[in-house]
Amino acid sequence: MAGASAVAVAALVAVLLPQAQAERNTSPVPRPSDRDMAMTTLNQLRQDRIPGTAWAVDPRTDRMIVTADATVTGDTWDALESTVDTLGEDTAKLRRTPGELSLFAEGGDAIFAGGGRCSLGFNVVTGDGTPGFLTAGHCGVIADEWSDSPDGAPIGTVRDAVFPGEGDFALLTYDDPAVDAPSAVDLGDGELFPIEEAADAEIGRRVFRMGSTTGLFDGEVTGLEATVNYPEGTVTGLIQTTVCAEPGDSGGPLFTENGEAVGLTSGGAGNCTTGGVTFFQPVTTALAAVDAQILPQ
């Protein structure tokens, strides 16, 4: 009888195992959730480099901050809005900014070249001891030599410039190696604000911007590692802020009340009457790339 039982058990197993296997093989495959699909869509929209959009991150919450200017309309705006709504404000936030995202080309102290105007950012010393200064990269690609007056003789020569791509910064070296180039921001009326060191931007930190067009304004840092899709090209690794700026302020300094150099004005949208959004090249990244440093006075 034992032999018969064993045969019966074996037969039962032979029937049940294939059946169980078949049930497992035919069980429904888990479908991605709406949030998963929305995140995939959001990442794809970011990779599409949609003109008039900027993409930043709040590292405190890992929330994506999507900014769209007035040119983003129709199906593109609808896709952004519905995708962000699906993800919820804890994951992503969509903001509309007035005007168009553009470079603030022209520019504390103004510098001129090739019909363009930009701002001198921060004075630096290069690795070989040469005095120089930082400004925006989209200024540095306009011309090789820059002056401190519209029709004046050159005072600095571009040694390195990055734009577009992984940054918006340029290093110029002074033509006169004995030039007096203090580590300070010119606030106007002969007032110099000393800069002690370079520092990374921090979310929520109050910052100040100086530009030759609009002067001194303040705001706060709202996003890091921003990707901005300008008409002239896409730039990555920028700082997003609520500080206003206008054409003529490009390359100007962004700094803290403690004398820390934080950024160089890149571009944005809006103006200093109604407000807007402005993006800055991190100074620490630029200094490392061009092998230069800020020396306190």
Protein backbone atom coordinates (compact mmCIF):
# COMPACT_ATOMS: atom_id res chain seq x y z
CA MET A 1 0.00 0.00 0.00
CA ALA A 2 2.89 2.32 0.73
CA GLY A 3 4.08 1.91 -2.80
CA ALA A 4 0.67 2.80 -4.14
CA SER A 5 0.51 5.95 -1.95
CA ALA A 6 3.88 7.09 -3.19
CA VAL A 7 2.76 6.65 -6.77
CA ALA A 8 -0.42 8.62 -6.05
CA VAL A 9 1.49 11.49 -4.43
CA ALA A 10 3.95 11.60 -7.30
CA ALA A 11 1.09 11.72 -9.76
CA LEU A 12 -0.58 14.54 -7.84
CA VAL A 13 2.66 16.53 -7.74
CA ALA A 14 3.12 15.95 -11.45
CA VAL A 15 -0.28 17.49 -12.06
CA LEU A 16 -0.13 20.36 -9.56
CA LEU A 17 3.41 21.65 -10.25
CA PRO A 18 2.86 22.44 -13.95
CA GLN A 19 -0.51 23.94 -13.04
CA ALA A 20 1.03 26.20 -10.40
CA GLN A 21 3.83 27.12 -12.77
CA ALA A 22 1.32 27.97 -15.46
CA GLU A 23 -0.62 30.15 -13.03
CA ARG A 24 2.55 32.01 -12.10
CA ASN A 25 3.49 32.49 -15.75
CA THR A 26 0.07 33.84 -16.59
CA SER A 27 -0.29 36.11 -13.54
CA PRO A 28 -0.67 39.80 -14.53
CA VAL A 29 2.56 41.83 -14.79
CA PRO A 30 2.45 44.81 -12.40
CA ARG A 31 1.69 47.97 -14.34
CA PRO A 32 3.65 51.16 -13.65
CA SER A 33 1.74 53.64 -11.53
CA ASP A 34 0.56 57.00 -12.83
CA ARG A 35 3.31 58.65 -10.78
CA ASP A 36 5.98 56.40 -12.30
CA MET A 37 4.78 57.22 -15.79
CA ALA A 38 4.60 60.92 -14.95
CA MET A 39 8.19 60.89 -13.65
CA THR A 40 9.33 59.19 -16.86
CA THR A 41 7.51 61.84 -18.87
CA LEU A 42 9.01 64.67 -16.79
CA ASN A 43 12.53 63.34 -17.28
CA GLN A 44 11.91 63.06 -21.01
CA LEU A 45 10.61 66.62 -21.19
CA ARG A 46 13.77 67.78 -19.41
CA GLN A 47 15.97 65.91 -21.88
CA ASP A 48 14.06 67.49 -24.77
CA ARG A 49 15.64 70.86 -23.87
CA ILE A 50 12.44 72.79 -24.49
CA PRO A 51 13.29 76.43 -25.33
CA GLY A 52 12.07 78.80 -22.64
CA THR A 53 12.31 76.29 -19.80
CA ALA A 54 14.66 75.90 -16.85
CA TRP A 55 15.03 72.87 -14.58
CA ALA A 56 16.48 73.07 -11.07
CA VAL A 57 16.52 70.98 -7.90
CA ASP A 58 15.87 71.81 -4.25
CA PRO A 59 18.35 69.41 -2.59
CA ARG A 60 16.60 69.69 0.77
CA THR A 61 13.53 67.92 -0.61
CA ASP A 62 14.74 66.52 -3.98
CA ARG A 63 11.84 68.44 -5.51
CA MET A 64 12.18 69.39 -9.18
CA ILE A 65 11.53 73.08 -9.91
CA VAL A 66 10.37 73.66 -13.50
CA THR A 67 10.27 77.24 -14.76
CA ALA A 68 8.59 78.17 -18.04
CA ASP A 69 8.61 81.58 -19.71
CA ALA A 70 5.90 83.21 -21.83
CA THR A 71 6.96 81.36 -25.01
CA VAL A 72 6.02 77.96 -23.57
CA THR A 73 2.37 77.51 -24.60
CA GLY A 74 -0.09 75.06 -26.12
CA ASP A 75 0.60 71.34 -25.97
CA THR A 76 4.02 71.88 -24.40
CA TRP A 77 2.62 73.86 -21.48
CA ASP A 78 -0.26 71.39 -21.10
CA ALA A 79 2.19 68.46 -20.96
CA LEU A 80 4.29 70.17 -18.30
CA GLU A 81 1.27 71.17 -16.24
CA SER A 82 -0.46 67.77 -16.31
CA THR A 83 2.76 65.90 -15.57
CA VAL A 84 3.64 68.07 -12.59
CA ASP A 85 0.06 67.92 -11.29
CA THR A 86 0.20 64.11 -11.38
CA LEU A 87 3.45 64.05 -9.42
CA GLY A 88 2.23 66.50 -6.77
CA GLU A 89 3.99 69.47 -5.18
CA ASP A 90 6.15 67.27 -2.95
CA THR A 91 7.91 65.95 -6.07
CA ALA A 92 7.76 68.77 -8.63
CA LYS A 93 6.62 72.38 -8.94
CA LEU A 94 5.87 74.31 -12.12
CA ARG A 95 6.34 78.08 -12.17
CA ARG A 96 5.44 80.58 -14.88
CA THR A 97 7.82 83.53 -15.23
CA PRO A 98 7.01 86.72 -17.18
CA GLY A 99 8.83 87.59 -20.37
CA GLU A 100 11.36 85.32 -22.08
CA LEU A 101 14.43 83.56 -20.69
CA SER A 102 17.41 85.35 -22.21
CA LEU A 103 21.03 86.20 -21.57
CA PHE A 104 21.59 89.48 -19.75
CA ALA A 105 24.37 90.37 -22.13
CA GLU A 106 25.77 93.85 -21.79
CA GLY A 107 26.97 94.78 -17.77
CA GLY A 108 29.60 95.69 -10.76
CA ASP A 109 31.79 97.70 -13.37
CA ALA A 110 30.91 97.70 -17.06
CA ILE A 111 33.23 96.16 -19.66
CA PHE A 112 32.91 96.52 -23.43
CA ALA A 113 33.90 94.65 -26.58
CA GLY A 114 32.65 93.98 -30.10
CA GLY A 115 29.54 96.07 -29.60
CA GLY A 116 28.66 94.11 -26.47
CA ARG A 117 28.57 95.15 -22.84
CA CYS A 118 28.95 92.95 -19.77
CA SER A 119 29.87 93.23 -16.10
CA LEU A 120 33.10 92.43 -14.37
CA GLY A 121 32.33 89.75 -11.81
CA PHE A 122 35.14 89.11 -9.33
CA ASN A 123 38.84 89.86 -9.43
CA VAL A 124 40.98 86.73 -9.11
CA VAL A 125 44.56 85.53 -9.25
CA THR A 126 45.39 82.68 -11.62
CA GLY A 127 47.49 79.66 -10.77
CA ASP A 128 50.57 81.28 -12.30
CA GLY A 129 50.07 84.49 -10.27
CA THR A 130 48.54 86.61 -13.02
CA PRO A 131 45.77 89.03 -11.96
CA GLY A 132 42.48 88.61 -13.77
CA PHE A 133 38.72 88.62 -13.41
CA LEU A 134 35.69 86.42 -13.99
CA THR A 135 32.66 87.30 -16.07
CA ALA A 136 29.97 85.44 -17.98
CA GLY A 137 31.02 82.93 -20.62
CA HIS A 138 28.57 84.28 -23.17
CA CYS A 139 30.48 87.56 -22.84
CA GLY A 140 33.86 85.86 -23.23
CA VAL A 141 32.92 84.30 -26.56
CA ILE A 142 31.96 87.67 -28.09
CA ALA A 143 35.52 89.02 -28.34
CA ASP A 144 39.05 88.27 -27.12
CA GLU A 145 39.78 91.73 -25.67
CA TRP A 146 37.65 93.87 -23.36
CA SER A 147 37.81 97.51 -22.26
CA ASP A 148 36.43 99.47 -19.31
CA SER A 149 34.91 102.09 -21.64
CA PRO A 150 33.02 101.85 -24.96
CA ASP A 151 35.90 103.18 -27.08
CA GLY A 152 38.80 102.63 -24.69
CA ALA A 153 41.93 100.56 -25.00
CA PRO A 154 41.68 96.91 -23.91
CA ILE A 155 42.34 96.14 -20.25
CA GLY A 156 41.90 92.37 -20.30
CA THR A 157 42.24 89.37 -22.63
CA VAL A 158 40.12 86.23 -22.58
CA ARG A 159 42.10 83.21 -21.45
CA ASP A 160 39.21 80.77 -21.14
CA ALA A 161 35.46 80.87 -21.86
CA VAL A 162 32.69 78.28 -21.53
CA PHE A 163 29.28 78.83 -23.18
CA PRO A 164 26.98 77.11 -23.89
CA GLY A 165 27.33 73.71 -22.23
CA GLU A 166 28.58 72.92 -18.73
CA GLY A 167 28.55 76.47 -17.45
CA ASP A 168 28.55 80.14 -18.40
CA PHE A 169 31.85 81.66 -17.29
CA ALA A 170 35.00 83.28 -18.63
CA LEU A 171 38.42 84.17 -17.25
CA LEU A 172 40.16 87.30 -18.49
CA THR A 173 43.66 88.29 -17.46
CA TYR A 174 44.61 91.93 -17.06
CA ASP A 175 46.95 93.26 -19.74
CA ASP A 176 48.82 95.24 -17.07
CA PRO A 177 50.30 92.69 -14.61
CA ALA A 178 50.75 95.48 -12.03
CA VAL A 179 47.08 96.51 -12.08
CA ASP A 180 45.41 97.26 -8.75
CA ALA A 181 42.62 94.66 -8.69
CA PRO A 182 41.09 94.50 -5.19
CA SER A 183 38.89 91.61 -4.14
CA ALA A 184 35.79 93.76 -3.78
CA VAL A 185 32.46 94.67 -5.37
CA ASP A 186 31.99 98.27 -6.49
CA LEU A 187 28.66 99.39 -5.01
CA GLY A 188 28.91 102.86 -6.53
CA ASP A 189 29.78 106.27 -5.13
CA GLY A 190 33.26 105.03 -4.28
CA GLU A 191 32.01 102.33 -1.89
CA LEU A 192 33.79 98.98 -2.15
CA PHE A 193 32.36 95.88 -0.48
CA PRO A 194 35.19 93.44 0.38
CA ILE A 195 35.01 89.85 -0.86
CA GLU A 196 36.78 87.38 1.42
CA GLU A 197 36.31 84.01 -0.30
CA ALA A 198 34.25 81.93 -2.72
CA ALA A 199 31.37 79.83 -1.39
CA ASP A 200 28.70 77.46 -2.69
CA ALA A 201 25.10 78.64 -2.92
CA GLU A 202 22.60 77.42 -0.33
CA ILE A 203 18.84 77.10 -0.75
CA GLY A 204 17.01 79.90 1.05
CA ARG A 205 20.17 82.00 1.47
CA ARG A 206 19.84 85.75 1.01
CA VAL A 207 22.13 86.97 -1.77
CA PHE A 208 22.96 90.28 -3.45
CA ARG A 209 23.65 91.07 -7.10
CA MET A 210 25.45 94.07 -8.54
CA GLY A 211 25.16 95.08 -12.17
CA SER A 212 26.11 98.14 -14.18
CA THR A 213 22.58 98.51 -15.59
CA THR A 214 20.38 98.11 -12.53
CA GLY A 215 22.77 98.44 -9.60
CA LEU A 216 22.31 96.53 -6.35
CA PHE A 217 19.41 94.11 -5.75
CA ASP A 218 18.84 91.19 -3.42
CA GLY A 219 16.80 87.99 -3.29
CA GLU A 220 17.20 84.37 -2.30
CA VAL A 221 18.49 81.12 -3.76
CA THR A 222 15.62 78.84 -4.83
CA GLY A 223 17.29 76.05 -6.82
CA LEU A 224 20.61 74.40 -7.63
CA GLU A 225 22.03 72.48 -10.59
CA ALA A 226 19.66 74.32 -12.92
CA THR A 227 19.56 73.55 -16.63
CA VAL A 228 18.47 76.59 -18.66
CA ASN A 229 17.45 76.38 -22.31
CA TYR A 230 18.41 79.79 -23.75
CA PRO A 231 17.78 80.53 -27.44
CA GLU A 232 21.58 80.59 -27.86
CA GLY A 233 22.05 77.16 -26.28
CA THR A 234 21.56 75.06 -23.16
CA VAL A 235 23.60 75.71 -20.02
CA THR A 236 23.79 73.33 -17.05
CA GLY A 237 24.86 73.61 -13.42
CA LEU A 238 23.42 77.05 -12.67
CA ILE A 239 21.96 78.63 -9.50
CA GLN A 240 18.30 79.74 -9.61
CA THR A 241 17.29 82.83 -7.63
CA THR A 242 14.57 85.43 -7.13
CA VAL A 243 17.06 88.27 -7.68
CA CYS A 244 16.07 90.50 -10.58
CA ALA A 245 18.39 91.49 -13.42
CA GLU A 246 18.20 93.14 -16.84
CA PRO A 247 20.25 93.36 -20.04
CA GLY A 248 23.58 94.89 -19.12
CA ASP A 249 23.97 92.94 -15.87
CA SER A 250 25.55 89.78 -17.35
CA GLY A 251 28.70 88.58 -15.65
CA GLY A 252 28.09 90.72 -12.58
CA PRO A 253 28.75 89.42 -9.07
CA LEU A 254 26.36 87.51 -6.80
CA PHE A 255 27.53 87.59 -3.19
CA THR A 256 26.47 87.31 0.45
CA GLU A 257 26.44 89.81 3.29
CA ASN A 258 29.42 87.91 4.75
CA GLY A 259 31.60 88.77 1.77
CA GLU A 260 31.33 85.41 -0.01
CA ALA A 261 31.50 85.28 -3.79
CA VAL A 262 28.70 82.97 -4.95
CA GLY A 263 27.82 83.51 -8.61
CA LEU A 264 28.14 85.31 -11.94
CA THR A 265 24.99 86.64 -13.62
CA SER A 266 24.00 84.47 -16.57
CA GLY A 267 20.41 85.21 -17.67
CA GLY A 268 16.76 84.92 -16.80
CA ALA A 269 13.36 86.48 -17.39
CA GLY A 270 11.46 89.48 -16.07
CA ASN A 271 12.93 92.76 -14.90
CA CYS A 272 13.63 94.82 -11.79
CA THR A 273 10.26 96.57 -11.92
CA THR A 274 7.91 93.59 -11.94
CA GLY A 275 10.38 90.95 -10.73
CA GLY A 276 11.42 87.69 -12.33
CA VAL A 277 13.90 84.83 -12.14
CA THR A 278 17.67 85.00 -12.67
CA PHE A 279 20.29 82.26 -13.04
CA PHE A 280 23.92 82.43 -12.00
CA GLN A 281 27.10 80.52 -12.74
CA PRO A 282 28.54 79.13 -9.47
CA VAL A 283 31.84 80.87 -8.72
CA THR A 284 33.39 77.82 -7.08
CA THR A 285 32.91 75.78 -10.26
CA ALA A 286 34.33 78.53 -12.46
CA LEU A 287 37.41 79.01 -10.24
CA ALA A 288 38.18 75.29 -10.27
CA ALA A 289 37.80 75.11 -14.05
CA VAL A 290 40.17 78.01 -14.79
CA ASP A 291 42.66 77.33 -11.95
CA ALA A 292 42.16 80.66 -10.18
CA GLN A 293 41.31 81.86 -6.69
CA ILE A 294 39.88 84.86 -4.90
CA LEU A 295 42.36 86.40 -2.48
CA PRO A 296 41.01 88.63 0.30
CA GLN A 297 42.29 92.20 0.48
